């Protein structure tokens, strides 16, 4: 192998442990915030954990402002509404509080608070991020309340274009949160289907990063250990929601997946992104639905690599044993069997295929994705 040339990045400062939400005000102050806006989703806004976070901010003299008009797959309309609240309130930072949707939208509000360019001009393409005025990006604190997306340690956010129904990855180095607070107590109240879907999202990140052909040995190792944490702890967190150890391990796995996917994602995500944008399905659940079919699709390119992972994970029978373990996990978590069960229609597979091939994730798939084989993959998932 010739010596590769590449760029690597690793995460932000992380405050990890039960009860550490009590440090939220101090974390905001360390980032220079005096009047933060807490961005969360509609369901979380009414829950006690959100009130607890706002109480901590208020007790620290930072107010208790909140914006919660965040859709499951947030779009530019949500962002513009949040920007209006941010500017009208004279806020100087964002606390991203919730799952991937709230974290991503909070980042977009922080990014666009002082920009003159369109958010679509900052898509993760080449050096487009340099179009932003970095000095106008508000500081960010991330507080995940799910264990899946890993957005709390990332430099990007996903935003759906409501006109084209395409999910776009918006990137800037300063979208990396100044501080991330990972408190597993905040995840205990997740509904079971959210525990399942977000956990399978973490697994998809680790699996696709592990299988990506790109060179990044640090991410490779992190992805492998992240898979182990998910396989051992997601069934526990699902069956025993109050199991704080399992919840903590899943928060670690989620962050590990997001660090690892610097190495690349693949067909799981390039299929699930358009399905989520068109049908408003839960992202992690959609990943879980297509996962075994994508394993089959990639088998010729990844069979040896998956066999090595299976050996590390204590799974017998190599690729076949690994795939069977995924199927068993899906069954234990009540994951729908196929895309048809999510409402996907055969009549729209051509449109979804075109969208999948435009998704940047397909570039990291170990088997080259073409219009013919991607359409057949969608048919297999349906």
Protein backbone atom coordinates (compact mmCIF):
# COMPACT_ATOMS: atom_id res chain seq x y z
CA UNK A 1 0.00 0.00 0.00
CA UNK A 2 1.25 3.48 -0.84
CA UNK A 3 1.37 6.02 1.98
CA UNK A 4 -2.05 7.76 2.08
CA UNK A 5 -2.64 11.47 2.48
CA UNK A 6 -5.79 12.38 4.44
CA UNK A 7 -7.26 14.73 7.04
CA UNK A 8 -8.53 13.54 10.42
CA UNK A 9 -10.42 15.25 13.23
CA UNK A 10 -11.55 14.17 16.70
CA UNK A 11 -14.19 15.46 19.07
CA UNK A 12 -14.89 18.18 21.53
CA UNK A 13 -14.67 18.34 25.34
CA UNK A 14 -17.15 15.83 26.77
CA UNK A 15 -18.57 15.88 30.31
CA UNK A 16 -19.77 12.31 30.76
CA UNK A 17 -21.66 10.87 33.69
CA UNK A 18 -24.94 10.60 35.54
CA UNK A 19 -26.26 13.89 36.90
CA UNK A 20 -23.93 16.14 34.93
CA UNK A 21 -26.81 18.18 33.52
CA UNK A 22 -26.33 20.22 36.70
CA UNK A 23 -23.19 21.63 35.04
CA UNK A 24 -25.08 23.09 32.09
CA UNK A 25 -24.96 26.75 33.17
CA UNK A 26 -21.25 26.56 33.95
CA UNK A 27 -20.61 24.92 30.56
CA UNK A 28 -22.49 27.73 28.82
CA UNK A 29 -20.52 30.36 30.68
CA UNK A 30 -17.26 28.64 29.77
CA UNK A 31 -18.26 29.05 26.12
CA UNK A 32 -18.94 32.77 26.62
CA UNK A 33 -22.73 32.61 26.64
CA UNK A 34 -24.77 35.04 28.70
CA UNK A 35 -28.20 34.46 27.11
CA UNK A 36 -28.41 31.01 25.50
CA UNK A 37 -31.37 29.69 23.53
CA UNK A 38 -32.23 26.07 24.31
CA UNK A 39 -33.35 24.28 21.13
CA UNK A 40 -35.31 21.06 21.56
CA UNK A 41 -38.17 19.21 19.87
CA UNK A 42 -41.89 19.51 20.50
CA UNK A 43 -42.22 16.30 22.50
CA UNK A 44 -39.23 16.95 24.73
CA UNK A 45 -40.25 20.54 25.45
CA UNK A 46 -43.02 19.37 27.78
CA UNK A 47 -40.96 16.78 29.67
CA UNK A 48 -39.38 17.18 33.13
CA UNK A 49 -35.82 16.76 31.83
CA UNK A 50 -36.23 19.91 29.74
CA UNK A 51 -37.64 21.83 32.68
CA UNK A 52 -34.66 20.60 34.70
CA UNK A 53 -32.22 21.93 32.12
CA UNK A 54 -34.01 25.28 31.96
CA UNK A 55 -34.01 25.48 35.76
CA UNK A 56 -30.23 24.98 35.77
CA UNK A 57 -29.81 27.77 33.23
CA UNK A 58 -32.11 30.12 35.13
CA UNK A 59 -30.37 29.42 38.44
CA UNK A 60 -27.08 30.30 36.74
CA UNK A 61 -28.43 33.67 35.66
CA UNK A 62 -28.74 32.69 31.99
CA UNK A 63 -32.53 32.87 31.54
CA UNK A 64 -34.79 30.05 30.37
CA UNK A 65 -35.47 30.72 26.70
CA UNK A 66 -36.55 27.74 24.59
CA UNK A 67 -37.40 27.04 20.94
CA UNK A 68 -39.12 23.74 20.19
CA UNK A 69 -40.64 23.92 16.69
CA UNK A 70 -38.41 21.13 15.45
CA UNK A 71 -39.75 18.47 13.11
CA UNK A 72 -38.55 14.84 13.10
CA UNK A 73 -36.65 15.63 9.89
CA UNK A 74 -35.93 19.36 10.39
CA UNK A 75 -36.02 21.70 7.42
CA UNK A 76 -35.23 25.28 6.50
CA UNK A 77 -38.68 26.44 7.67
CA UNK A 78 -37.90 25.21 11.19
CA UNK A 79 -34.51 26.89 10.95
CA UNK A 80 -35.92 30.26 9.91
CA UNK A 81 -38.44 30.16 12.76
CA UNK A 82 -35.62 29.40 15.21
CA UNK A 83 -33.46 32.18 13.79
CA UNK A 84 -36.32 34.61 14.35
CA UNK A 85 -36.53 33.62 18.02
CA UNK A 86 -32.73 33.72 18.39
CA UNK A 87 -32.41 37.23 16.94
CA UNK A 88 -35.50 38.68 18.61
CA UNK A 89 -34.33 37.40 21.99
CA UNK A 90 -30.82 38.79 21.61
CA UNK A 91 -29.30 35.35 22.25
CA UNK A 92 -25.57 34.71 22.05
CA UNK A 93 -25.37 30.92 22.01
CA UNK A 94 -27.35 27.73 21.49
CA UNK A 95 -27.91 24.77 23.79
CA UNK A 96 -28.82 21.84 21.52
CA UNK A 97 -30.96 19.59 23.72
CA UNK A 98 -32.48 16.34 22.50
CA UNK A 99 -32.05 13.78 19.76
CA UNK A 100 -30.45 14.21 16.38
CA UNK A 101 -33.18 16.49 15.04
CA UNK A 102 -32.84 19.04 17.84
CA UNK A 103 -29.06 18.85 17.83
CA UNK A 104 -28.85 19.34 14.07
CA UNK A 105 -31.36 22.20 13.98
CA UNK A 106 -29.73 23.91 16.96
CA UNK A 107 -26.43 23.80 15.11
CA UNK A 108 -28.04 25.33 12.02
CA UNK A 109 -29.44 28.20 14.09
CA UNK A 110 -26.02 28.84 15.61
CA UNK A 111 -24.39 28.67 12.18
CA UNK A 112 -26.80 30.95 10.35
CA UNK A 113 -27.46 33.55 13.08
CA UNK A 114 -25.14 36.08 11.47
CA UNK A 115 -24.65 34.83 7.89
CA UNK A 116 -25.59 36.54 4.63
CA UNK A 117 -25.24 33.42 2.44
CA UNK A 118 -27.92 30.74 2.13
CA UNK A 119 -27.63 27.65 4.28
CA UNK A 120 -27.61 25.61 1.05
CA UNK A 121 -24.39 27.41 0.06
CA UNK A 122 -22.71 25.68 3.04
CA UNK A 123 -23.41 22.09 2.03
CA UNK A 124 -20.59 19.64 2.74
CA UNK A 125 -19.08 19.95 -0.74
CA UNK A 126 -15.40 20.74 -1.18
CA UNK A 127 -14.52 23.97 0.59
CA UNK A 128 -18.03 25.44 0.54
CA UNK A 129 -17.78 25.90 4.32
CA UNK A 130 -15.34 28.75 3.73
CA UNK A 131 -18.24 30.80 2.38
CA UNK A 132 -19.47 31.31 5.95
CA UNK A 133 -18.27 34.12 8.19
CA UNK A 134 -16.78 32.02 10.98
CA UNK A 135 -16.80 34.93 13.42
CA UNK A 136 -20.60 35.12 13.15
CA UNK A 137 -21.24 31.53 14.27
CA UNK A 138 -22.70 31.40 17.78
CA UNK A 139 -21.15 29.01 20.33
CA UNK A 140 -22.83 25.64 20.82
CA UNK A 141 -23.37 23.38 23.82
CA UNK A 142 -24.73 19.90 23.02
CA UNK A 143 -26.83 17.83 25.41
CA UNK A 144 -28.00 14.57 23.79
CA UNK A 145 -31.07 12.88 25.26
CA UNK A 146 -30.89 9.89 22.90
CA UNK A 147 -28.03 7.55 22.01
CA UNK A 148 -27.76 7.29 18.26
CA UNK A 149 -26.95 10.22 16.03
CA UNK A 150 -23.65 11.29 17.60
CA UNK A 151 -24.26 14.84 16.38
CA UNK A 152 -22.99 16.02 19.76
CA UNK A 153 -19.41 15.31 18.63
CA UNK A 154 -19.75 16.31 14.99
CA UNK A 155 -19.01 19.31 12.81
CA UNK A 156 -22.11 19.02 10.63
CA UNK A 157 -25.89 18.91 10.72
CA UNK A 158 -28.51 17.39 8.44
CA UNK A 159 -31.22 19.69 7.07
CA UNK A 160 -34.04 18.63 4.74
CA UNK A 161 -34.81 20.90 1.79
CA UNK A 162 -38.60 21.08 1.97
CA UNK A 163 -38.90 21.92 -1.74
CA UNK A 164 -36.78 19.05 -3.12
CA UNK A 165 -37.23 16.60 -0.21
CA UNK A 166 -33.46 16.10 -0.17
CA UNK A 167 -31.46 15.80 3.02
CA UNK A 168 -28.38 17.99 2.88
CA UNK A 169 -25.32 17.75 5.11
CA UNK A 170 -24.27 21.25 6.20
CA UNK A 171 -20.68 21.48 7.41
CA UNK A 172 -18.45 23.94 9.22
CA UNK A 173 -15.58 23.23 11.64
CA UNK A 174 -17.14 25.61 14.16
CA UNK A 175 -20.27 23.48 14.39
CA UNK A 176 -18.27 21.31 16.77
CA UNK A 177 -19.86 21.97 20.19
CA UNK A 178 -17.68 23.81 22.68
CA UNK A 179 -18.82 21.37 25.37
CA UNK A 180 -20.93 18.22 25.22
CA UNK A 181 -22.77 16.99 28.31
CA UNK A 182 -23.57 13.28 28.17
CA UNK A 183 -25.81 12.41 31.10
CA UNK A 184 -27.35 8.93 30.75
CA UNK A 185 -30.10 9.84 33.22
CA UNK A 186 -31.57 12.06 30.48
CA UNK A 187 -32.11 9.03 28.20
CA UNK A 188 -34.05 6.86 30.66
CA UNK A 189 -37.44 8.22 29.59
CA UNK A 190 -37.04 7.49 25.89
CA UNK A 191 -39.95 5.50 24.43
CA UNK A 192 -38.86 1.96 23.51
CA UNK A 193 -39.11 2.54 19.75
CA UNK A 194 -36.83 5.58 20.05
CA UNK A 195 -34.33 3.62 22.14
CA UNK A 196 -34.39 0.97 19.40
CA UNK A 197 -34.19 3.31 16.44
CA UNK A 198 -31.49 5.57 17.82
CA UNK A 199 -29.46 2.61 18.99
CA UNK A 200 -29.63 1.03 15.55
CA UNK A 201 -28.50 4.36 14.09
CA UNK A 202 -25.37 4.14 16.24
CA UNK A 203 -24.82 0.59 15.00
CA UNK A 204 -25.29 1.68 11.38
CA UNK A 205 -22.68 4.42 11.82
CA UNK A 206 -20.16 1.99 13.28
CA UNK A 207 -20.91 -0.77 10.75
CA UNK A 208 -20.71 1.46 7.68
CA UNK A 209 -17.56 3.19 8.91
CA UNK A 210 -15.98 -0.21 9.58
CA UNK A 211 -16.85 -1.41 6.06
CA UNK A 212 -15.87 1.79 4.25
CA UNK A 213 -12.86 1.32 1.95
CA UNK A 214 -11.30 4.65 2.93
CA UNK A 215 -8.11 4.76 5.01
CA UNK A 216 -8.62 5.76 8.64
CA UNK A 217 -7.29 3.11 11.05
CA UNK A 218 -8.22 5.07 14.19
CA UNK A 219 -11.83 5.29 13.10
CA UNK A 220 -11.69 1.63 12.10
CA UNK A 221 -10.84 0.59 15.64
CA UNK A 222 -13.40 2.91 17.18
CA UNK A 223 -16.09 1.54 14.85
CA UNK A 224 -15.35 -2.04 15.84
CA UNK A 225 -15.53 -1.35 19.57
CA UNK A 226 -18.66 0.76 19.02
CA UNK A 227 -20.36 -2.24 17.41
CA UNK A 228 -19.49 -4.33 20.45
CA UNK A 229 -21.01 -1.80 22.82
CA UNK A 230 -24.24 -1.64 20.82
CA UNK A 231 -24.65 -5.40 20.47
CA UNK A 232 -24.07 -5.94 24.18
CA UNK A 233 -26.00 -2.97 25.58
CA UNK A 234 -28.85 -2.02 23.24
CA UNK A 235 -30.98 -5.07 24.13
CA UNK A 236 -30.47 -4.26 27.82
CA UNK A 237 -31.39 -0.60 27.41
CA UNK A 238 -34.49 -1.60 25.43
CA UNK A 239 -35.66 -4.26 27.89
CA UNK A 240 -34.68 -2.39 31.08
CA UNK A 241 -35.04 1.35 30.42
CA UNK A 242 -33.68 2.32 33.85
CA UNK A 243 -30.41 0.40 33.36
CA UNK A 244 -28.03 3.37 33.62
CA UNK A 245 -24.96 1.33 32.78
CA UNK A 246 -26.47 0.17 29.49
CA UNK A 247 -27.69 3.70 28.78
CA UNK A 248 -24.20 5.10 29.41
CA UNK A 249 -22.58 2.51 27.17
CA UNK A 250 -25.03 3.38 24.41
CA UNK A 251 -24.20 7.08 24.73
CA UNK A 252 -20.54 6.14 24.30
CA UNK A 253 -21.36 3.99 21.27
CA UNK A 254 -23.32 6.82 19.68
CA UNK A 255 -20.38 9.19 19.98
CA UNK A 256 -18.00 6.52 18.74
CA UNK A 257 -20.14 6.00 15.66
CA UNK A 258 -20.11 9.68 14.81
CA UNK A 259 -16.33 9.85 15.26
CA UNK A 260 -15.87 6.69 13.18
CA UNK A 261 -17.96 7.79 10.23
CA UNK A 262 -15.31 10.29 9.26
CA UNK A 263 -14.06 7.16 7.49
CA UNK A 264 -17.24 7.09 5.44
CA UNK A 265 -20.84 5.92 5.34
CA UNK A 266 -22.51 3.87 2.64
CA UNK A 267 -25.67 2.43 1.16
CA UNK A 268 -27.53 2.16 4.47
CA UNK A 269 -27.50 5.92 4.79
CA UNK A 270 -27.82 6.74 1.09
CA UNK A 271 -31.06 4.73 1.06
CA UNK A 272 -32.44 5.91 4.40
CA UNK A 273 -31.84 9.62 3.76
CA UNK A 274 -34.24 9.91 0.79
CA UNK A 275 -36.78 7.58 2.43
CA UNK A 276 -36.75 9.78 5.53
CA UNK A 277 -37.01 12.97 3.50
CA UNK A 278 -39.93 11.76 1.37
CA UNK A 279 -41.86 9.67 3.93
CA UNK A 280 -40.76 11.38 7.18
CA UNK A 281 -39.67 8.07 8.69
CA UNK A 282 -37.44 7.83 11.75
CA UNK A 283 -33.86 7.85 10.49
CA UNK A 284 -32.39 5.19 12.76
CA UNK A 285 -35.34 2.87 12.30
CA UNK A 286 -35.01 3.21 8.52
CA UNK A 287 -31.31 2.38 8.80
CA UNK A 288 -32.22 -0.75 10.75
CA UNK A 289 -34.78 -1.83 8.15
CA UNK A 290 -32.32 -1.74 5.23
CA UNK A 291 -29.24 -2.96 7.14
CA UNK A 292 -29.38 -6.70 6.34
CA UNK A 293 -30.18 -6.08 2.67
CA UNK A 294 -27.19 -3.74 2.39
CA UNK A 295 -24.99 -6.36 4.03
CA UNK A 296 -26.07 -8.79 1.30
CA UNK A 297 -25.48 -6.13 -1.37
CA UNK A 298 -21.92 -5.54 -0.14
CA UNK A 299 -21.07 -9.13 0.77
CA UNK A 300 -18.49 -9.76 -1.95
CA UNK A 301 -16.48 -6.74 -0.84
CA UNK A 302 -16.79 -7.06 2.95
CA UNK A 303 -17.13 -10.76 3.75
CA UNK A 304 -13.58 -11.13 5.08
CA UNK A 305 -13.72 -7.90 7.04
CA UNK A 306 -17.04 -8.83 8.63
CA UNK A 307 -15.66 -12.26 9.52
CA UNK A 308 -12.82 -10.57 11.41
CA UNK A 309 -15.32 -8.34 13.21
CA UNK A 310 -17.44 -11.36 14.10
CA UNK A 311 -14.43 -13.05 15.66
CA UNK A 312 -13.76 -9.97 17.82
CA UNK A 313 -17.43 -9.77 18.76
CA UNK A 314 -17.61 -13.43 19.77
CA UNK A 315 -19.96 -14.35 16.92
CA UNK A 316 -19.49 -17.73 15.24
CA UNK A 317 -19.81 -18.47 11.50
CA UNK A 318 -18.29 -15.26 10.13
CA UNK A 319 -20.44 -13.17 7.81
CA UNK A 320 -23.47 -15.44 8.08
CA UNK A 321 -23.28 -15.42 11.88
CA UNK A 322 -22.94 -11.63 11.93
CA UNK A 323 -25.94 -11.18 9.63
CA UNK A 324 -27.97 -13.56 11.78
CA UNK A 325 -27.07 -11.54 14.86
CA UNK A 326 -28.36 -8.39 13.15
CA UNK A 327 -31.62 -10.16 12.28
CA UNK A 328 -32.00 -11.38 15.86
CA UNK A 329 -31.38 -7.86 17.16
CA UNK A 330 -33.95 -6.37 14.78
CA UNK A 331 -36.52 -8.92 15.96
CA UNK A 332 -35.80 -8.23 19.63
CA UNK A 333 -36.27 -4.49 19.03
CA UNK A 334 -39.48 -4.86 16.97
CA UNK A 335 -37.93 -3.25 13.91
CA UNK A 336 -40.25 -3.36 10.86
CA UNK A 337 -39.24 -6.06 8.36
CA UNK A 338 -39.00 -3.95 5.19
CA UNK A 339 -39.53 -0.54 3.65
CA UNK A 340 -43.07 -1.47 2.64
CA UNK A 341 -43.93 -1.63 6.32
CA UNK A 342 -42.74 2.00 6.58
CA UNK A 343 -45.13 3.04 3.80
CA UNK A 344 -42.63 3.18 0.94
CA UNK A 345 -44.34 2.68 -2.43
CA UNK A 346 -42.92 0.76 -5.39
CA UNK A 347 -44.10 3.53 -7.71
CA UNK A 348 -41.57 5.94 -6.17
CA UNK A 349 -38.49 3.69 -6.29
CA UNK A 350 -37.16 5.44 -9.40
CA UNK A 351 -37.28 8.80 -7.63
CA UNK A 352 -35.75 7.36 -4.47
CA UNK A 353 -32.98 5.71 -6.48
CA UNK A 354 -32.04 9.03 -8.08
CA UNK A 355 -31.99 10.69 -4.66
CA UNK A 356 -29.86 7.91 -3.16
CA UNK A 357 -27.25 8.30 -5.88
CA UNK A 358 -27.07 12.03 -5.19
CA UNK A 359 -26.53 11.42 -1.46
CA UNK A 360 -22.88 11.87 -0.43
CA UNK A 361 -23.00 8.70 1.67
CA UNK A 362 -23.01 6.47 -1.40
CA UNK A 363 -19.40 7.48 -2.11
CA UNK A 364 -18.24 5.52 0.95
CA UNK A 365 -19.97 2.27 0.06
CA UNK A 366 -17.57 -0.64 -0.54
CA UNK A 367 -19.47 -1.62 -3.72
CA UNK A 368 -19.92 1.10 -6.32
CA UNK A 369 -23.55 2.17 -6.45
CA UNK A 370 -25.10 2.48 -9.90
CA UNK A 371 -28.63 3.25 -10.98
CA UNK A 372 -29.27 -0.41 -11.80
CA UNK A 373 -27.90 -2.01 -8.64
CA UNK A 374 -29.29 0.69 -6.36
CA UNK A 375 -32.78 0.23 -7.82
CA UNK A 376 -32.47 -3.53 -7.26
CA UNK A 377 -31.30 -2.89 -3.70
CA UNK A 378 -34.39 -0.75 -3.05
CA UNK A 379 -36.55 -3.55 -4.48
CA UNK A 380 -34.90 -6.03 -2.12
CA UNK A 381 -35.61 -3.69 0.82
CA UNK A 382 -39.24 -3.27 -0.25
